[in-house]
Amino acid sequence: MPRRAELGKIPAVDLAYAVNRLIQEGKTSLAEVRRFTGERPARIAALERELATLKAGQAAAQAAGRPAGPGAAGVKRPKRKFTMTAKARAARKRQGQYLAALRRLKAVERTRVKAVARKEGVAKAIEFARKLAKAVPAKAA
């Protein structure tokens, strides 16, 4: 792949000629050229700010005694190993069974099952919901 010539190596007079030719051929407009030349100071200022930030980060890393580089931003903490107790596992299983049992019921029956869950507990509510679901005739396929 051929390397492109850098603009810095082209004399300013030749660059000005090239820009004028582009404007004449309609490939760019004078307004675009003015916009790009107007953006130049702001772009330089932004690059200088970014460079200052990078220098400050490197100075902080050196002060902390670690080398600057991709890993200098921070050390990744190991994830906490999640252990679930048997009690929590059983509670989640009951919750899933309860929701599955409610899904099969009509709105009126759901409210009855929810009342049982509040009054007597989720296990009794699951039994009641299953009993109600068996009583409902199956839909014709």
N, C-alpha and C. Protein backbone atom coordinates (compact mmCIF):
# COMPACT_ATOMS: atom_id res chain seq x y z
N MET A 1 0.85 -1.17 0.00
CA MET A 1 0.00 0.00 0.00
C MET A 1 0.90 1.24 0.00
N PRO A 2 0.71 2.16 -0.94
CA PRO A 2 1.58 3.35 -0.99
C PRO A 2 1.28 4.30 0.16
N ARG A 3 2.33 4.90 0.66
CA ARG A 3 2.16 5.87 1.76
C ARG A 3 1.73 7.21 1.19
N ARG A 4 0.84 7.85 1.90
CA ARG A 4 0.40 9.18 1.48
C ARG A 4 1.43 10.20 1.95
N ALA A 5 1.61 11.22 1.16
CA ALA A 5 2.53 12.29 1.53
C ALA A 5 1.92 13.11 2.65
N GLU A 6 2.71 13.46 3.62
CA GLU A 6 2.21 14.29 4.71
C GLU A 6 2.09 15.73 4.23
N LEU A 7 1.07 16.40 4.72
CA LEU A 7 0.85 17.79 4.31
C LEU A 7 1.97 18.70 4.79
N GLY A 8 2.62 18.34 5.87
CA GLY A 8 3.69 19.18 6.39
C GLY A 8 4.88 19.26 5.44
N LYS A 9 5.01 18.27 4.54
CA LYS A 9 6.13 18.27 3.60
C LYS A 9 5.83 19.07 2.34
N ILE A 10 4.56 19.41 2.13
CA ILE A 10 4.16 20.17 0.94
C ILE A 10 4.27 21.65 1.28
N PRO A 11 4.91 22.43 0.42
CA PRO A 11 5.04 23.87 0.70
C PRO A 11 3.67 24.55 0.79
N ALA A 12 3.59 25.57 1.61
CA ALA A 12 2.33 26.29 1.85
C ALA A 12 1.77 26.87 0.56
N VAL A 13 2.63 27.32 -0.37
CA VAL A 13 2.18 27.91 -1.63
C VAL A 13 1.44 26.85 -2.45
N ASP A 14 1.98 25.62 -2.49
CA ASP A 14 1.34 24.54 -3.23
C ASP A 14 0.01 24.14 -2.58
N LEU A 15 -0.05 24.15 -1.25
CA LEU A 15 -1.31 23.84 -0.55
C LEU A 15 -2.37 24.88 -0.87
N ALA A 16 -1.98 26.16 -0.88
CA ALA A 16 -2.94 27.22 -1.20
C ALA A 16 -3.45 27.05 -2.62
N TYR A 17 -2.56 26.70 -3.58
CA TYR A 17 -2.96 26.46 -4.96
C TYR A 17 -3.96 25.30 -5.03
N ALA A 18 -3.68 24.22 -4.29
CA ALA A 18 -4.56 23.05 -4.31
C ALA A 18 -5.94 23.38 -3.75
N VAL A 19 -5.98 24.16 -2.68
CA VAL A 19 -7.27 24.54 -2.08
C VAL A 19 -8.06 25.40 -3.05
N ASN A 20 -7.39 26.35 -3.72
CA ASN A 20 -8.08 27.21 -4.70
C ASN A 20 -8.64 26.38 -5.85
N ARG A 21 -7.88 25.39 -6.32
CA ARG A 21 -8.36 24.52 -7.41
C ARG A 21 -9.58 23.71 -6.97
N LEU A 22 -9.57 23.21 -5.74
CA LEU A 22 -10.71 22.45 -5.21
C LEU A 22 -11.96 23.32 -5.15
N ILE A 23 -11.77 24.58 -4.75
CA ILE A 23 -12.90 25.50 -4.68
C ILE A 23 -13.44 25.77 -6.08
N GLN A 24 -12.54 25.97 -7.06
CA GLN A 24 -12.97 26.24 -8.43
C GLN A 24 -13.71 25.05 -9.03
N GLU A 25 -13.28 23.84 -8.72
CA GLU A 25 -13.92 22.65 -9.29
C GLU A 25 -15.19 22.26 -8.53
N GLY A 26 -15.50 22.97 -7.46
CA GLY A 26 -16.72 22.71 -6.72
C GLY A 26 -16.62 21.52 -5.77
N LYS A 27 -15.42 21.04 -5.53
CA LYS A 27 -15.24 19.90 -4.63
C LYS A 27 -15.29 20.34 -3.17
N THR A 28 -15.07 21.59 -2.94
CA THR A 28 -15.19 22.17 -1.60
C THR A 28 -15.55 23.64 -1.78
N SER A 29 -15.99 24.25 -0.70
CA SER A 29 -16.37 25.65 -0.81
C SER A 29 -15.46 26.50 0.08
N LEU A 30 -15.48 27.76 -0.20
CA LEU A 30 -14.68 28.69 0.59
C LEU A 30 -15.15 28.69 2.04
N ALA A 31 -16.47 28.52 2.23
CA ALA A 31 -17.02 28.48 3.59
C ALA A 31 -16.45 27.30 4.37
N GLU A 32 -16.31 26.14 3.70
CA GLU A 32 -15.74 24.97 4.38
C GLU A 32 -14.29 25.22 4.77
N VAL A 33 -13.54 25.82 3.86
CA VAL A 33 -12.13 26.11 4.15
C VAL A 33 -12.04 27.07 5.33
N ARG A 34 -12.87 28.10 5.34
CA ARG A 34 -12.86 29.06 6.46
C ARG A 34 -13.27 28.38 7.76
N ARG A 35 -14.25 27.46 7.68
CA ARG A 35 -14.70 26.76 8.88
C ARG A 35 -13.56 25.91 9.45
N PHE A 36 -12.85 25.19 8.58
CA PHE A 36 -11.74 24.37 9.06
C PHE A 36 -10.60 25.21 9.63
N THR A 37 -10.30 26.34 9.00
CA THR A 37 -9.24 27.19 9.54
C THR A 37 -9.67 27.83 10.85
N GLY A 38 -10.97 28.09 11.00
CA GLY A 38 -11.48 28.64 12.26
C GLY A 38 -11.46 27.61 13.39
N GLU A 39 -11.62 26.33 13.04
CA GLU A 39 -11.62 25.26 14.05
C GLU A 39 -10.22 24.95 14.57
N ARG A 40 -9.22 25.34 13.82
CA ARG A 40 -7.85 24.96 14.15
C ARG A 40 -7.42 25.40 15.56
N PRO A 41 -7.63 26.66 15.97
CA PRO A 41 -7.21 27.04 17.33
C PRO A 41 -7.94 26.24 18.43
N ALA A 42 -9.23 25.99 18.22
CA ALA A 42 -9.98 25.22 19.22
C ALA A 42 -9.48 23.79 19.30
N ARG A 43 -9.14 23.21 18.13
CA ARG A 43 -8.61 21.84 18.10
C ARG A 43 -7.25 21.77 18.80
N ILE A 44 -6.42 22.77 18.56
CA ILE A 44 -5.11 22.81 19.22
C ILE A 44 -5.29 22.92 20.73
N ALA A 45 -6.22 23.77 21.17
CA ALA A 45 -6.47 23.93 22.61
C ALA A 45 -6.97 22.63 23.22
N ALA A 46 -7.86 21.93 22.52
CA ALA A 46 -8.38 20.65 23.03
C ALA A 46 -7.27 19.62 23.15
N LEU A 47 -6.39 19.57 22.14
CA LEU A 47 -5.27 18.63 22.20
C LEU A 47 -4.31 18.98 23.34
N GLU A 48 -4.11 20.26 23.57
CA GLU A 48 -3.23 20.67 24.68
C GLU A 48 -3.83 20.28 26.02
N ARG A 49 -5.17 20.45 26.17
CA ARG A 49 -5.83 20.03 27.41
C ARG A 49 -5.70 18.53 27.62
N GLU A 50 -5.90 17.75 26.56
CA GLU A 50 -5.79 16.29 26.67
C GLU A 50 -4.37 15.89 27.04
N LEU A 51 -3.39 16.57 26.44
CA LEU A 51 -2.00 16.28 26.77
C LEU A 51 -1.70 16.61 28.23
N ALA A 52 -2.23 17.71 28.72
CA ALA A 52 -2.02 18.09 30.12
C ALA A 52 -2.64 17.05 31.04
N THR A 53 -3.82 16.55 30.68
CA THR A 53 -4.47 15.51 31.49
C THR A 53 -3.63 14.25 31.51
N LEU A 54 -3.10 13.86 30.35
CA LEU A 54 -2.25 12.67 30.29
C LEU A 54 -0.98 12.84 31.11
N LYS A 55 -0.40 14.03 31.04
CA LYS A 55 0.82 14.29 31.83
C LYS A 55 0.52 14.23 33.32
N ALA A 56 -0.63 14.77 33.73
CA ALA A 56 -1.01 14.74 35.15
C ALA A 56 -1.23 13.30 35.60
N GLY A 57 -1.85 12.49 34.76
CA GLY A 57 -2.07 11.09 35.10
C GLY A 57 -0.76 10.33 35.23
N GLN A 58 0.19 10.63 34.35
CA GLN A 58 1.49 9.96 34.42
C GLN A 58 2.24 10.39 35.67
N ALA A 59 2.15 11.67 36.01
CA ALA A 59 2.82 12.16 37.21
C ALA A 59 2.23 11.52 38.46
N ALA A 60 0.90 11.36 38.49
CA ALA A 60 0.24 10.73 39.63
C ALA A 60 0.64 9.26 39.73
N ALA A 61 0.74 8.59 38.58
CA ALA A 61 1.12 7.18 38.58
C ALA A 61 2.56 7.02 39.08
N GLN A 62 3.44 7.92 38.67
CA GLN A 62 4.83 7.84 39.12
C GLN A 62 4.93 8.13 40.62
N ALA A 63 4.09 9.05 41.09
CA ALA A 63 4.10 9.37 42.52
C ALA A 63 3.59 8.18 43.33
N ALA A 64 2.65 7.41 42.74
CA ALA A 64 2.12 6.24 43.43
C ALA A 64 3.08 5.06 43.35
N GLY A 65 4.10 5.17 42.50
CA GLY A 65 5.11 4.14 42.41
C GLY A 65 4.76 3.00 41.48
N ARG A 66 3.89 3.24 40.51
CA ARG A 66 3.60 2.20 39.53
C ARG A 66 3.79 2.77 38.14
N PRO A 67 4.13 1.93 37.19
CA PRO A 67 4.41 2.43 35.84
C PRO A 67 3.13 2.87 35.13
N ALA A 68 3.25 3.93 34.34
CA ALA A 68 2.10 4.39 33.57
C ALA A 68 1.89 3.44 32.40
N GLY A 69 0.67 3.24 32.05
CA GLY A 69 0.37 2.34 30.95
C GLY A 69 -1.09 1.99 30.96
N PRO A 70 -1.48 0.97 30.19
CA PRO A 70 -2.89 0.62 30.11
C PRO A 70 -3.47 0.18 31.44
N GLY A 71 -2.69 -0.46 32.28
CA GLY A 71 -3.18 -0.92 33.57
C GLY A 71 -3.04 0.11 34.67
N ALA A 72 -2.57 1.29 34.34
CA ALA A 72 -2.32 2.30 35.37
C ALA A 72 -3.60 2.94 35.90
N ALA A 73 -4.70 2.80 35.18
CA ALA A 73 -5.95 3.44 35.58
C ALA A 73 -6.46 2.90 36.90
N GLY A 74 -6.31 1.63 37.13
CA GLY A 74 -6.78 1.06 38.39
C GLY A 74 -6.70 -0.45 38.35
N VAL A 75 -6.58 -1.03 39.49
CA VAL A 75 -6.48 -2.48 39.58
C VAL A 75 -7.89 -3.03 39.69
N LYS A 76 -8.17 -4.07 38.92
CA LYS A 76 -9.49 -4.69 38.94
C LYS A 76 -9.61 -5.53 40.19
N ARG A 77 -10.66 -5.28 40.96
CA ARG A 77 -10.89 -6.06 42.16
C ARG A 77 -11.53 -7.38 41.79
N PRO A 78 -11.20 -8.43 42.47
CA PRO A 78 -11.84 -9.71 42.16
C PRO A 78 -13.31 -9.66 42.55
N LYS A 79 -14.15 -10.33 41.75
CA LYS A 79 -15.57 -10.34 42.02
C LYS A 79 -15.85 -11.13 43.29
N ARG A 80 -16.85 -10.71 44.01
CA ARG A 80 -17.26 -11.42 45.21
C ARG A 80 -17.91 -12.72 44.78
N LYS A 81 -17.50 -13.81 45.39
CA LYS A 81 -18.10 -15.09 45.08
C LYS A 81 -19.47 -15.14 45.73
N PHE A 82 -20.48 -15.39 44.90
CA PHE A 82 -21.85 -15.38 45.40
C PHE A 82 -22.20 -16.77 45.91
N THR A 83 -22.51 -16.85 47.18
CA THR A 83 -22.93 -18.12 47.76
C THR A 83 -24.35 -17.95 48.27
N MET A 84 -25.21 -18.86 47.86
CA MET A 84 -26.60 -18.79 48.28
C MET A 84 -26.83 -19.84 49.35
N THR A 85 -27.49 -19.45 50.40
CA THR A 85 -27.79 -20.40 51.48
C THR A 85 -28.93 -21.31 51.03
N ALA A 86 -29.05 -22.43 51.69
CA ALA A 86 -30.12 -23.38 51.37
C ALA A 86 -31.48 -22.74 51.62
N LYS A 87 -31.57 -21.92 52.65
CA LYS A 87 -32.82 -21.25 52.98
C LYS A 87 -33.24 -20.29 51.86
N ALA A 88 -32.27 -19.53 51.36
CA ALA A 88 -32.56 -18.58 50.27
C ALA A 88 -32.93 -19.32 49.00
N ARG A 89 -32.24 -20.44 48.71
CA ARG A 89 -32.55 -21.22 47.52
C ARG A 89 -33.98 -21.77 47.58
N ALA A 90 -34.35 -22.27 48.75
CA ALA A 90 -35.70 -22.80 48.94
C ALA A 90 -36.75 -21.70 48.79
N ALA A 91 -36.44 -20.50 49.30
CA ALA A 91 -37.38 -19.38 49.19
C ALA A 91 -37.57 -18.98 47.73
N ARG A 92 -36.50 -18.98 46.96
CA ARG A 92 -36.61 -18.63 45.54
C ARG A 92 -37.40 -19.69 44.78
N LYS A 93 -37.17 -20.93 45.12
CA LYS A 93 -37.90 -22.02 44.47
C LYS A 93 -39.39 -21.90 44.75
N ARG A 94 -39.75 -21.62 46.03
CA ARG A 94 -41.15 -21.43 46.40
C ARG A 94 -41.76 -20.25 45.65
N GLN A 95 -40.98 -19.17 45.53
CA GLN A 95 -41.47 -17.98 44.83
C GLN A 95 -41.77 -18.31 43.36
N GLY A 96 -40.90 -19.08 42.72
CA GLY A 96 -41.11 -19.48 41.33
C GLY A 96 -42.34 -20.35 41.19
N GLN A 97 -42.51 -21.28 42.11
CA GLN A 97 -43.69 -22.16 42.06
C GLN A 97 -44.97 -21.35 42.27
N TYR A 98 -44.91 -20.38 43.17
CA TYR A 98 -46.06 -19.52 43.47
C TYR A 98 -46.46 -18.72 42.23
N LEU A 99 -45.48 -18.12 41.57
CA LEU A 99 -45.77 -17.32 40.37
C LEU A 99 -46.31 -18.20 39.24
N ALA A 100 -45.74 -19.40 39.10
CA ALA A 100 -46.21 -20.31 38.06
C ALA A 100 -47.65 -20.74 38.34
N ALA A 101 -47.95 -20.99 39.60
CA ALA A 101 -49.31 -21.40 39.96
C ALA A 101 -50.31 -20.26 39.73
N LEU A 102 -49.90 -19.03 40.03
CA LEU A 102 -50.79 -17.87 39.82
C LEU A 102 -51.06 -17.63 38.34
N ARG A 103 -50.08 -17.90 37.51
CA ARG A 103 -50.19 -17.60 36.08
C ARG A 103 -51.35 -18.36 35.44
N ARG A 104 -51.64 -19.52 35.94
CA ARG A 104 -52.69 -20.36 35.34
C ARG A 104 -54.10 -19.95 35.74
N LEU A 105 -54.21 -19.05 36.70
CA LEU A 105 -55.53 -18.74 37.28
C LEU A 105 -56.14 -17.49 36.69
N LYS A 106 -57.44 -17.36 36.89
CA LYS A 106 -58.16 -16.15 36.50
C LYS A 106 -57.96 -15.10 37.58
N ALA A 107 -58.31 -13.86 37.28
CA ALA A 107 -58.06 -12.73 38.19
C ALA A 107 -58.73 -12.93 39.55
N VAL A 108 -59.97 -13.40 39.58
CA VAL A 108 -60.71 -13.57 40.83
C VAL A 108 -60.02 -14.62 41.70
N GLU A 109 -59.60 -15.72 41.06
CA GLU A 109 -58.93 -16.78 41.80
C GLU A 109 -57.57 -16.32 42.31
N ARG A 110 -56.89 -15.51 41.53
CA ARG A 110 -55.58 -14.98 41.96
C ARG A 110 -55.71 -14.20 43.26
N THR A 111 -56.72 -13.37 43.34
CA THR A 111 -56.90 -12.57 44.56
C THR A 111 -57.16 -13.47 45.76
N ARG A 112 -57.90 -14.56 45.55
CA ARG A 112 -58.14 -15.51 46.65
C ARG A 112 -56.84 -16.17 47.09
N VAL A 113 -56.00 -16.56 46.10
CA VAL A 113 -54.72 -17.21 46.41
C VAL A 113 -53.79 -16.23 47.13
N LYS A 114 -53.78 -14.98 46.68
CA LYS A 114 -52.93 -13.98 47.33
C LYS A 114 -53.34 -13.75 48.77
N ALA A 115 -54.64 -13.78 49.02
CA ALA A 115 -55.13 -13.63 50.39
C ALA A 115 -54.65 -14.80 51.25
N VAL A 116 -54.68 -16.01 50.70
CA VAL A 116 -54.20 -17.18 51.43
C VAL A 116 -52.71 -17.05 51.70
N ALA A 117 -51.95 -16.54 50.72
CA ALA A 117 -50.50 -16.38 50.89
C ALA A 117 -50.20 -15.41 52.03
N ARG A 118 -50.97 -14.33 52.11
CA ARG A 118 -50.74 -13.37 53.20
C ARG A 118 -51.13 -13.95 54.55
N LYS A 119 -52.21 -14.69 54.57
CA LYS A 119 -52.75 -15.18 55.84
C LYS A 119 -52.04 -16.44 56.35
N GLU A 120 -51.82 -17.41 55.44
CA GLU A 120 -51.31 -18.71 55.87
C GLU A 120 -49.91 -19.04 55.36
N GLY A 121 -49.41 -18.26 54.41
CA GLY A 121 -48.06 -18.51 53.90
C GLY A 121 -48.09 -18.95 52.44
N VAL A 122 -46.91 -18.87 51.84
CA VAL A 122 -46.78 -19.15 50.41
C VAL A 122 -47.00 -20.63 50.11
N ALA A 123 -46.51 -21.52 50.96
CA ALA A 123 -46.66 -22.95 50.70
C ALA A 123 -48.13 -23.35 50.61
N LYS A 124 -48.95 -22.86 51.53
CA LYS A 124 -50.39 -23.15 51.51
C LYS A 124 -51.05 -22.53 50.28
N ALA A 125 -50.58 -21.34 49.90
CA ALA A 125 -51.14 -20.66 48.73
C ALA A 125 -50.84 -21.45 47.46
N ILE A 126 -49.64 -22.04 47.38
CA ILE A 126 -49.29 -22.85 46.21
C ILE A 126 -50.21 -24.05 46.11
N GLU A 127 -50.43 -24.73 47.22
CA GLU A 127 -51.33 -25.89 47.24
C GLU A 127 -52.74 -25.48 46.79
N PHE A 128 -53.23 -24.36 47.33
CA PHE A 128 -54.56 -23.89 47.00
C PHE A 128 -54.67 -23.54 45.52
N ALA A 129 -53.64 -22.87 44.99
CA ALA A 129 -53.64 -22.48 43.58
C ALA A 129 -53.63 -23.71 42.68
N ARG A 130 -52.87 -24.72 43.05
CA ARG A 130 -52.83 -25.95 42.25
C ARG A 130 -54.18 -26.65 42.27
N LYS A 131 -54.84 -26.62 43.41
CA LYS A 131 -56.15 -27.25 43.54
C LYS A 131 -57.16 -26.50 42.66
N LEU A 132 -57.08 -25.16 42.66
CA LEU A 132 -57.98 -24.37 41.83
C LEU A 132 -57.70 -24.60 40.33
N ALA A 133 -56.42 -24.75 39.99
CA ALA A 133 -56.06 -24.96 38.59
C ALA A 133 -56.58 -26.30 38.08
N LYS A 134 -56.60 -27.32 38.93
CA LYS A 134 -57.12 -28.63 38.53
C LYS A 134 -58.63 -28.57 38.33
N ALA A 135 -59.29 -27.71 39.10
CA ALA A 135 -60.74 -27.59 39.01
C ALA A 135 -61.17 -26.90 37.73
N VAL A 136 -60.29 -26.06 37.15
CA VAL A 136 -60.60 -25.33 35.92
C VAL A 136 -60.52 -26.30 34.76
N PRO A 137 -61.54 -26.36 33.91
CA PRO A 137 -61.49 -27.27 32.76
C PRO A 137 -60.41 -26.82 31.78
N ALA A 138 -59.73 -27.78 31.16
CA ALA A 138 -58.66 -27.48 30.21
C ALA A 138 -59.26 -26.89 28.94
N LYS A 139 -58.49 -26.03 28.27
CA LYS A 139 -58.95 -25.41 27.03
C LYS A 139 -58.87 -26.42 25.90
N ALA A 140 -59.78 -26.34 24.95
CA ALA A 140 -59.77 -27.24 23.80
C ALA A 140 -58.66 -26.83 22.85
N ALA A 141 -57.87 -27.80 22.46
CA ALA A 141 -56.72 -27.49 21.60
C ALA A 141 -57.08 -27.51 20.14
